[in-house]
């Protein structure tokens, strides 16, 4: 799968909307969530999610108390990607530069807010 997706450029397109995915499983999840209305319910509270990963993340953080702890400063996060963003910004010096004025920001969300409020332009990834 890695060779096909990364080195050979193989993509799987949605027949309905044309979105492209590098893995067949991602296309199936897209079809189920977006076009087929498949929902995954939390066994504890009944809240519904478009995919199993989001349902599992919800159960872990909301019902099982899973926390991700920064080993450098001890700050805790309910989601792993927020811990990664924190480590990049606060401990690894990763910054995001405004292409309009050169101002630096510790997070993409702060850059986005800056671009929209100061330069009245949209954030591009």
Protein backbone atom coordinates (compact mmCIF):
# COMPACT_ATOMS: atom_id res chain seq x y z
CA UNK A 1 0.00 0.00 0.00
CA UNK A 2 2.83 2.40 0.88
CA UNK A 3 4.62 1.87 -2.44
CA UNK A 4 1.40 2.23 -4.44
CA UNK A 5 0.26 5.36 -2.61
CA UNK A 6 3.53 7.22 -2.11
CA UNK A 7 5.81 6.06 -4.92
CA UNK A 8 3.37 5.02 -7.66
CA UNK A 9 0.73 7.69 -7.00
CA UNK A 10 -2.16 5.21 -6.85
CA UNK A 11 -5.38 6.88 -5.75
CA UNK A 12 -8.91 5.62 -5.22
CA UNK A 13 -11.59 8.07 -6.30
CA UNK A 14 -15.10 8.39 -4.93
CA UNK A 15 -17.58 7.71 -7.74
CA UNK A 16 -20.02 10.23 -6.28
CA UNK A 17 -17.98 13.35 -5.42
CA UNK A 18 -14.54 12.66 -6.91
CA UNK A 19 -12.56 12.96 -3.66
CA UNK A 20 -9.38 10.89 -3.89
CA UNK A 21 -7.81 8.64 -1.27
CA UNK A 22 -4.51 6.76 -1.13
CA UNK A 23 -6.07 3.78 0.67
CA UNK A 24 -9.18 1.78 -0.20
CA UNK A 25 -10.13 1.72 3.49
CA UNK A 26 -10.16 5.52 3.60
CA UNK A 27 -12.43 5.60 0.54
CA UNK A 28 -14.78 3.10 2.24
CA UNK A 29 -14.89 5.21 5.42
CA UNK A 30 -15.61 8.29 3.30
CA UNK A 31 -18.41 6.52 1.43
CA UNK A 32 -19.97 5.24 4.66
CA UNK A 33 -19.74 8.54 6.53
CA UNK A 34 -20.49 11.04 3.77
CA UNK A 35 -22.68 9.29 1.22
CA UNK A 36 -24.24 6.31 3.02
CA UNK A 37 -25.05 7.98 6.35
CA UNK A 38 -23.39 5.25 8.44
CA UNK A 39 -22.97 6.35 12.07
CA UNK A 40 -21.07 4.76 14.94
CA UNK A 41 -22.67 5.23 18.34
CA UNK A 42 -20.94 5.43 21.69
CA UNK A 43 -21.98 2.38 23.74
CA UNK A 44 -22.04 4.51 26.90
CA UNK A 45 -23.87 7.73 26.03
CA UNK A 46 -25.25 7.08 22.55
CA UNK A 47 -23.52 10.03 20.85
CA UNK A 48 -23.04 9.28 17.15
CA UNK A 49 -19.91 9.69 15.05
CA UNK A 50 -19.16 9.44 11.34
CA UNK A 51 -16.31 6.96 11.83
CA UNK A 52 -15.05 4.41 14.32
CA UNK A 53 -11.86 6.34 15.09
CA UNK A 54 -13.81 9.37 16.31
CA UNK A 55 -16.11 7.14 18.38
CA UNK A 56 -13.11 5.43 19.99
CA UNK A 57 -11.40 8.78 20.66
CA UNK A 58 -14.62 10.02 22.30
CA UNK A 59 -14.89 6.93 24.54
CA UNK A 60 -11.22 7.14 25.51
CA UNK A 61 -11.28 10.81 26.44
CA UNK A 62 -14.81 11.33 27.73
CA UNK A 63 -15.52 8.03 29.48
CA UNK A 64 -12.15 6.38 30.16
CA UNK A 65 -10.21 9.50 31.14
CA UNK A 66 -7.35 8.93 28.70
CA UNK A 67 -4.88 11.80 28.81
CA UNK A 68 -1.73 12.46 26.79
CA UNK A 69 0.99 14.05 28.92
CA UNK A 70 3.84 16.25 27.71
CA UNK A 71 7.02 14.64 29.06
CA UNK A 72 8.77 18.02 29.10
CA UNK A 73 6.35 20.20 31.09
CA UNK A 74 3.60 17.86 32.31
CA UNK A 75 0.72 19.60 30.52
CA UNK A 76 -2.08 17.18 29.61
CA UNK A 77 -4.18 16.87 26.47
CA UNK A 78 -7.22 14.78 25.63
CA UNK A 79 -6.13 14.34 22.01
CA UNK A 80 -2.72 13.15 20.83
CA UNK A 81 -2.50 15.60 17.93
CA UNK A 82 -2.96 18.52 20.35
CA UNK A 83 -0.02 17.21 22.39
CA UNK A 84 2.07 17.03 19.20
CA UNK A 85 1.12 20.61 18.26
CA UNK A 86 2.03 21.73 21.81
CA UNK A 87 5.44 20.01 21.69
CA UNK A 88 6.21 21.47 18.26
CA UNK A 89 5.23 25.01 19.26
CA UNK A 90 6.44 25.17 22.86
CA UNK A 91 9.44 22.83 22.99
CA UNK A 92 10.71 22.37 19.41
CA UNK A 93 10.42 26.00 18.26
CA UNK A 94 8.16 25.26 15.29
CA UNK A 95 6.61 28.50 14.03
CA UNK A 96 4.25 29.48 11.23
CA UNK A 97 5.11 32.61 9.25
CA UNK A 98 2.58 35.00 7.75
CA UNK A 99 3.34 35.26 4.03
CA UNK A 100 1.88 38.78 3.99
CA UNK A 101 3.86 40.53 6.78
CA UNK A 102 6.35 37.98 8.11
CA UNK A 103 4.95 37.78 11.65
CA UNK A 104 5.59 34.44 13.36
CA UNK A 105 3.00 32.35 15.21
CA UNK A 106 3.32 29.24 17.38
CA UNK A 107 0.24 27.58 15.92
CA UNK A 108 -1.55 27.39 12.58
CA UNK A 109 -4.81 28.45 14.22
CA UNK A 110 -3.20 31.69 15.43
CA UNK A 111 -1.81 32.34 11.95
CA UNK A 112 -5.26 31.68 10.46
CA UNK A 113 -6.89 34.13 12.87
CA UNK A 114 -4.21 36.72 12.07
CA UNK A 115 -4.65 36.32 8.30
CA UNK A 116 -8.42 36.62 8.52
CA UNK A 117 -8.53 39.55 10.95
CA UNK A 118 -5.51 41.60 9.82
CA UNK A 119 -5.15 40.80 6.13
CA UNK A 120 -8.75 39.71 5.40
CA UNK A 121 -7.49 36.68 3.53
CA UNK A 122 -8.04 32.94 3.82
CA UNK A 123 -5.54 30.54 5.35
CA UNK A 124 -3.96 28.19 2.80
CA UNK A 125 -2.44 24.86 3.81
